Amino acid sequence: MTVDHSHGLIFKIVPRSAWREAEELGRFTGSPVDLADGYIHLSTAAQVADTAARHFSGVADLLLVAVSTADVEPWLRWEPSRGGALFPHVYGDLPLGAVRTVTPLRLGADGRHVLPDSLG
């Protein structure tokens, strides 16, 4: 199935400590849930706010990592998840060379994360 994401970016929410480890290794090997599932869970720009709310509500010290789809294409699969929507999954390690930006996610007063105005 072909999925057109013209901006070419997908997103991973990562604890700052895990990202520091990835920087030391030169690649991100995945969070505990990624390792258990056998792939790295990512979200599109349209999906990332809901992902943050569902899986990271109230969690501080997180980063939003923007990944180039072109740079992970060989390992990228679009698979159904929440409500049948197609989500990007990377099968294998996430190379740091595929990362375009790393942005701290600030918690708002309501416990929800404040996402950057522009995600791509």
N, C-alpha and C. Protein backbone atom coordinates (compact mmCIF):
# COMPACT_ATOMS: atom_id res chain seq x y z
N MET A 1 0.84 -1.19 0.00
CA MET A 1 0.00 0.00 0.00
C MET A 1 0.88 1.24 0.00
N THR A 2 0.58 2.20 -0.83
CA THR A 2 1.33 3.44 -0.90
C THR A 2 0.67 4.48 -0.02
N VAL A 3 1.49 5.15 0.79
CA VAL A 3 0.99 6.21 1.66
C VAL A 3 1.75 7.47 1.29
N ASP A 4 1.03 8.55 1.00
CA ASP A 4 1.67 9.80 0.61
C ASP A 4 1.75 10.72 1.82
N HIS A 5 2.96 10.93 2.29
CA HIS A 5 3.21 11.89 3.36
C HIS A 5 4.20 12.89 2.79
N SER A 6 3.67 13.94 2.18
CA SER A 6 4.48 14.84 1.38
C SER A 6 5.55 15.57 2.18
N HIS A 7 5.32 15.77 3.47
CA HIS A 7 6.33 16.47 4.26
C HIS A 7 7.53 15.57 4.55
N GLY A 8 7.35 14.25 4.47
CA GLY A 8 8.48 13.34 4.61
C GLY A 8 9.01 13.16 6.01
N LEU A 9 8.25 13.55 7.04
CA LEU A 9 8.70 13.39 8.42
C LEU A 9 7.72 12.53 9.20
N ILE A 10 8.27 11.69 10.05
CA ILE A 10 7.51 10.94 11.03
C ILE A 10 8.16 11.20 12.38
N PHE A 11 7.44 10.88 13.47
CA PHE A 11 7.85 11.35 14.78
C PHE A 11 7.89 10.24 15.82
N LYS A 12 8.89 10.33 16.70
CA LYS A 12 9.05 9.42 17.83
C LYS A 12 9.12 10.25 19.09
N ILE A 13 8.33 9.88 20.09
CA ILE A 13 8.40 10.51 21.40
C ILE A 13 9.31 9.64 22.25
N VAL A 14 10.34 10.26 22.81
CA VAL A 14 11.39 9.52 23.50
C VAL A 14 11.76 10.21 24.81
N PRO A 15 11.91 9.46 25.91
CA PRO A 15 12.45 10.06 27.12
C PRO A 15 13.86 10.60 26.87
N ARG A 16 14.17 11.74 27.44
CA ARG A 16 15.47 12.37 27.23
C ARG A 16 16.62 11.41 27.57
N SER A 17 16.49 10.65 28.64
CA SER A 17 17.56 9.72 29.05
C SER A 17 17.80 8.64 27.98
N ALA A 18 16.73 8.15 27.37
CA ALA A 18 16.86 7.14 26.32
C ALA A 18 17.52 7.74 25.08
N TRP A 19 17.23 9.00 24.81
CA TRP A 19 17.83 9.64 23.64
C TRP A 19 19.33 9.87 23.85
N ARG A 20 19.71 10.21 25.09
CA ARG A 20 21.14 10.35 25.39
C ARG A 20 21.87 9.04 25.13
N GLU A 21 21.26 7.93 25.53
CA GLU A 21 21.86 6.61 25.27
C GLU A 21 21.97 6.36 23.76
N ALA A 22 20.94 6.75 23.01
CA ALA A 22 20.97 6.57 21.56
C ALA A 22 22.10 7.39 20.94
N GLU A 23 22.29 8.59 21.42
CA GLU A 23 23.37 9.43 20.90
C GLU A 23 24.73 8.80 21.17
N GLU A 24 24.88 8.18 22.32
CA GLU A 24 26.14 7.50 22.64
C GLU A 24 26.36 6.29 21.73
N LEU A 25 25.28 5.56 21.44
CA LEU A 25 25.36 4.37 20.57
C LEU A 25 25.46 4.72 19.09
N GLY A 26 24.93 5.89 18.72
CA GLY A 26 24.88 6.27 17.32
C GLY A 26 23.63 5.79 16.62
N ARG A 27 22.69 5.23 17.38
CA ARG A 27 21.42 4.76 16.83
C ARG A 27 20.44 4.56 17.99
N PHE A 28 19.15 4.62 17.65
CA PHE A 28 18.11 4.37 18.65
C PHE A 28 17.60 2.95 18.43
N THR A 29 17.72 2.13 19.45
CA THR A 29 17.33 0.72 19.31
C THR A 29 15.88 0.47 19.72
N GLY A 30 15.25 1.47 20.35
CA GLY A 30 13.85 1.34 20.70
C GLY A 30 13.60 1.43 22.19
N SER A 31 12.36 1.78 22.51
CA SER A 31 11.89 1.82 23.90
C SER A 31 11.51 0.39 24.31
N PRO A 32 11.21 0.16 25.57
CA PRO A 32 10.79 -1.19 25.98
C PRO A 32 9.61 -1.72 25.17
N VAL A 33 8.61 -0.89 24.87
CA VAL A 33 7.47 -1.37 24.08
C VAL A 33 7.89 -1.67 22.64
N ASP A 34 8.81 -0.88 22.10
CA ASP A 34 9.32 -1.15 20.74
C ASP A 34 10.02 -2.50 20.70
N LEU A 35 10.88 -2.73 21.69
CA LEU A 35 11.63 -3.98 21.73
C LEU A 35 10.70 -5.17 21.89
N ALA A 36 9.65 -5.01 22.71
CA ALA A 36 8.69 -6.10 22.90
C ALA A 36 7.91 -6.39 21.62
N ASP A 37 7.56 -5.34 20.86
CA ASP A 37 6.76 -5.51 19.65
C ASP A 37 7.58 -5.86 18.42
N GLY A 38 8.88 -5.63 18.47
CA GLY A 38 9.75 -5.98 17.35
C GLY A 38 9.91 -4.90 16.30
N TYR A 39 9.46 -3.69 16.59
CA TYR A 39 9.63 -2.55 15.69
C TYR A 39 9.52 -1.26 16.49
N ILE A 40 10.01 -0.18 15.91
CA ILE A 40 9.94 1.13 16.56
C ILE A 40 8.66 1.83 16.12
N HIS A 41 7.84 2.17 17.10
CA HIS A 41 6.57 2.87 16.88
C HIS A 41 6.85 4.34 16.60
N LEU A 42 6.28 4.86 15.53
CA LEU A 42 6.35 6.28 15.22
C LEU A 42 4.95 6.77 14.89
N SER A 43 4.83 8.08 14.71
CA SER A 43 3.54 8.70 14.37
C SER A 43 3.75 9.72 13.28
N THR A 44 2.69 9.98 12.52
CA THR A 44 2.71 11.08 11.58
C THR A 44 2.45 12.38 12.34
N ALA A 45 2.59 13.50 11.66
CA ALA A 45 2.29 14.79 12.27
C ALA A 45 0.85 14.84 12.77
N ALA A 46 -0.06 14.24 12.02
CA ALA A 46 -1.48 14.24 12.40
C ALA A 46 -1.77 13.31 13.58
N GLN A 47 -0.90 12.34 13.83
CA GLN A 47 -1.13 11.34 14.88
C GLN A 47 -0.40 11.63 16.19
N VAL A 48 0.64 12.46 16.15
CA VAL A 48 1.54 12.58 17.29
C VAL A 48 0.88 13.17 18.54
N ALA A 49 -0.04 14.11 18.40
CA ALA A 49 -0.71 14.69 19.57
C ALA A 49 -1.51 13.62 20.31
N ASP A 50 -2.23 12.79 19.57
CA ASP A 50 -3.00 11.72 20.19
C ASP A 50 -2.08 10.68 20.83
N THR A 51 -0.97 10.38 20.17
CA THR A 51 0.00 9.44 20.75
C THR A 51 0.54 9.99 22.07
N ALA A 52 0.88 11.26 22.10
CA ALA A 52 1.39 11.87 23.33
C ALA A 52 0.34 11.79 24.44
N ALA A 53 -0.90 12.10 24.11
CA ALA A 53 -1.98 12.09 25.11
C ALA A 53 -2.27 10.68 25.62
N ARG A 54 -2.29 9.71 24.73
CA ARG A 54 -2.64 8.34 25.10
C ARG A 54 -1.55 7.61 25.87
N HIS A 55 -0.31 7.83 25.46
CA HIS A 55 0.78 7.01 25.99
C HIS A 55 1.76 7.76 26.88
N PHE A 56 1.71 9.09 26.90
CA PHE A 56 2.71 9.85 27.66
C PHE A 56 2.09 10.96 28.50
N SER A 57 0.79 10.92 28.76
CA SER A 57 0.12 11.98 29.50
C SER A 57 0.79 12.22 30.85
N GLY A 58 1.16 13.46 31.10
CA GLY A 58 1.75 13.84 32.37
C GLY A 58 3.22 13.48 32.53
N VAL A 59 3.81 12.83 31.53
CA VAL A 59 5.22 12.41 31.62
C VAL A 59 6.11 13.59 31.22
N ALA A 60 7.04 13.93 32.09
CA ALA A 60 7.95 15.04 31.82
C ALA A 60 9.24 14.54 31.18
N ASP A 61 10.04 15.48 30.71
CA ASP A 61 11.38 15.23 30.18
C ASP A 61 11.37 14.33 28.95
N LEU A 62 10.45 14.62 28.03
CA LEU A 62 10.37 13.88 26.78
C LEU A 62 10.87 14.74 25.62
N LEU A 63 11.29 14.06 24.57
CA LEU A 63 11.73 14.72 23.35
C LEU A 63 10.87 14.26 22.18
N LEU A 64 10.66 15.14 21.23
CA LEU A 64 9.98 14.79 19.99
C LEU A 64 11.05 14.75 18.90
N VAL A 65 11.26 13.56 18.36
CA VAL A 65 12.30 13.33 17.37
C VAL A 65 11.64 13.22 15.99
N ALA A 66 12.05 14.11 15.08
CA ALA A 66 11.53 14.10 13.71
C ALA A 66 12.49 13.30 12.83
N VAL A 67 11.93 12.33 12.12
CA VAL A 67 12.71 11.39 11.32
C VAL A 67 12.31 11.52 9.85
N SER A 68 13.30 11.54 8.98
CA SER A 68 13.05 11.58 7.54
C SER A 68 12.58 10.21 7.05
N THR A 69 11.40 10.16 6.44
CA THR A 69 10.90 8.89 5.91
C THR A 69 11.83 8.34 4.84
N ALA A 70 12.41 9.22 4.03
CA ALA A 70 13.30 8.76 2.95
C ALA A 70 14.51 8.01 3.52
N ASP A 71 14.99 8.44 4.68
CA ASP A 71 16.19 7.83 5.25
C ASP A 71 15.94 6.50 5.96
N VAL A 72 14.68 6.18 6.21
CA VAL A 72 14.35 4.89 6.85
C VAL A 72 13.49 4.02 5.95
N GLU A 73 13.33 4.44 4.71
CA GLU A 73 12.43 3.74 3.77
C GLU A 73 12.66 2.22 3.71
N PRO A 74 13.90 1.74 3.71
CA PRO A 74 14.09 0.28 3.62
C PRO A 74 13.50 -0.49 4.81
N TRP A 75 13.35 0.17 5.94
CA TRP A 75 12.88 -0.50 7.17
C TRP A 75 11.48 -0.04 7.59
N LEU A 76 10.88 0.84 6.79
CA LEU A 76 9.61 1.47 7.15
C LEU A 76 8.43 0.69 6.59
N ARG A 77 7.47 0.41 7.48
CA ARG A 77 6.20 -0.20 7.06
C ARG A 77 5.06 0.63 7.64
N TRP A 78 4.02 0.80 6.84
CA TRP A 78 2.81 1.51 7.28
C TRP A 78 1.79 0.43 7.63
N GLU A 79 1.45 0.35 8.92
CA GLU A 79 0.58 -0.74 9.38
C GLU A 79 -0.59 -0.20 10.18
N PRO A 80 -1.73 -0.89 10.10
CA PRO A 80 -2.92 -0.43 10.84
C PRO A 80 -2.72 -0.54 12.34
N SER A 81 -3.22 0.48 13.03
CA SER A 81 -3.18 0.49 14.49
C SER A 81 -4.47 1.13 14.97
N ARG A 82 -4.39 2.12 15.85
CA ARG A 82 -5.58 2.76 16.42
C ARG A 82 -6.65 3.05 15.38
N GLY A 83 -7.79 2.46 15.54
CA GLY A 83 -8.92 2.73 14.66
C GLY A 83 -8.68 2.37 13.21
N GLY A 84 -7.70 1.52 12.94
CA GLY A 84 -7.40 1.13 11.58
C GLY A 84 -6.50 2.11 10.83
N ALA A 85 -6.12 3.22 11.47
CA ALA A 85 -5.23 4.19 10.82
C ALA A 85 -3.86 3.56 10.60
N LEU A 86 -3.23 3.94 9.50
CA LEU A 86 -1.88 3.44 9.21
C LEU A 86 -0.84 4.25 9.98
N PHE A 87 -0.01 3.53 10.71
CA PHE A 87 1.06 4.15 11.50
C PHE A 87 2.41 3.70 10.95
N PRO A 88 3.41 4.58 11.01
CA PRO A 88 4.75 4.21 10.57
C PRO A 88 5.47 3.38 11.63
N HIS A 89 6.02 2.26 11.20
CA HIS A 89 6.80 1.38 12.06
C HIS A 89 8.14 1.14 11.39
N VAL A 90 9.21 1.28 12.13
CA VAL A 90 10.56 1.01 11.61
C VAL A 90 11.02 -0.32 12.18
N TYR A 91 11.31 -1.25 11.29
CA TYR A 91 11.80 -2.57 11.67
C TYR A 91 13.32 -2.54 11.63
N GLY A 92 13.92 -2.42 12.80
CA GLY A 92 15.37 -2.29 12.93
C GLY A 92 15.68 -1.06 13.75
N ASP A 93 16.95 -0.78 13.90
CA ASP A 93 17.38 0.40 14.64
C ASP A 93 17.09 1.67 13.85
N LEU A 94 16.89 2.75 14.56
CA LEU A 94 16.68 4.05 13.94
C LEU A 94 18.04 4.75 13.88
N PRO A 95 18.58 4.94 12.67
CA PRO A 95 19.88 5.60 12.55
C PRO A 95 19.77 7.09 12.87
N LEU A 96 20.72 7.62 13.60
CA LEU A 96 20.65 9.03 13.97
C LEU A 96 20.78 9.94 12.75
N GLY A 97 21.37 9.45 11.67
CA GLY A 97 21.46 10.22 10.44
C GLY A 97 20.10 10.51 9.81
N ALA A 98 19.08 9.77 10.20
CA ALA A 98 17.72 9.99 9.68
C ALA A 98 16.97 11.06 10.47
N VAL A 99 17.54 11.51 11.57
CA VAL A 99 16.88 12.48 12.45
C VAL A 99 17.09 13.89 11.92
N ARG A 100 16.00 14.63 11.79
CA ARG A 100 16.06 16.01 11.31
C ARG A 100 16.04 17.02 12.45
N THR A 101 15.21 16.79 13.47
CA THR A 101 15.17 17.68 14.63
C THR A 101 14.87 16.89 15.88
N VAL A 102 15.30 17.43 17.01
CA VAL A 102 14.98 16.89 18.33
C VAL A 102 14.50 18.07 19.16
N THR A 103 13.23 18.02 19.57
CA THR A 103 12.60 19.14 20.26
C THR A 103 12.08 18.70 21.62
N PRO A 104 12.43 19.43 22.69
CA PRO A 104 11.86 19.11 24.00
C PRO A 104 10.34 19.30 23.99
N LEU A 105 9.62 18.38 24.64
CA LEU A 105 8.17 18.50 24.78
C LEU A 105 7.86 19.04 26.16
N ARG A 106 7.34 20.25 26.19
CA ARG A 106 6.98 20.89 27.45
C ARG A 106 5.58 20.43 27.85
N LEU A 107 5.40 20.26 29.16
CA LEU A 107 4.07 19.91 29.68
C LEU A 107 3.28 21.18 29.95
N GLY A 108 2.06 21.23 29.47
CA GLY A 108 1.18 22.34 29.77
C GLY A 108 0.56 22.17 31.16
N ALA A 109 -0.12 23.17 31.63
CA ALA A 109 -0.76 23.13 32.95
C ALA A 109 -1.77 22.00 33.07
N ASP A 110 -2.33 21.58 31.92
CA ASP A 110 -3.34 20.51 31.92
C ASP A 110 -2.71 19.10 31.85
N GLY A 111 -1.38 19.04 31.88
CA GLY A 111 -0.70 17.74 31.84
C GLY A 111 -0.49 17.20 30.44
N ARG A 112 -0.95 17.96 29.44
CA ARG A 112 -0.77 17.54 28.04
C ARG A 112 0.48 18.21 27.48
N HIS A 113 1.12 17.56 26.54
CA HIS A 113 2.33 18.10 25.96
C HIS A 113 2.02 19.21 24.94
N VAL A 114 2.87 20.21 24.94
CA VAL A 114 2.74 21.31 24.00
C VAL A 114 3.63 20.99 22.80
N LEU A 115 3.01 20.69 21.69
CA LEU A 115 3.74 20.33 20.48
C LEU A 115 4.18 21.58 19.73
N PRO A 116 5.28 21.49 18.98
CA PRO A 116 5.71 22.63 18.17
C PRO A 116 4.60 23.06 17.22
N ASP A 117 4.55 24.35 16.91
CA ASP A 117 3.54 24.88 15.99
C ASP A 117 3.61 24.20 14.63
N SER A 118 4.82 23.95 14.18
CA SER A 118 5.01 23.32 12.88
C SER A 118 5.71 21.98 13.07
N LEU A 119 5.15 20.94 12.52
CA LEU A 119 5.75 19.61 12.63
C LEU A 119 6.38 19.18 11.30
N GLY A 120 6.68 20.06 10.45
CA GLY A 120 7.30 19.65 9.22
C GLY A 120 7.44 20.77 8.29
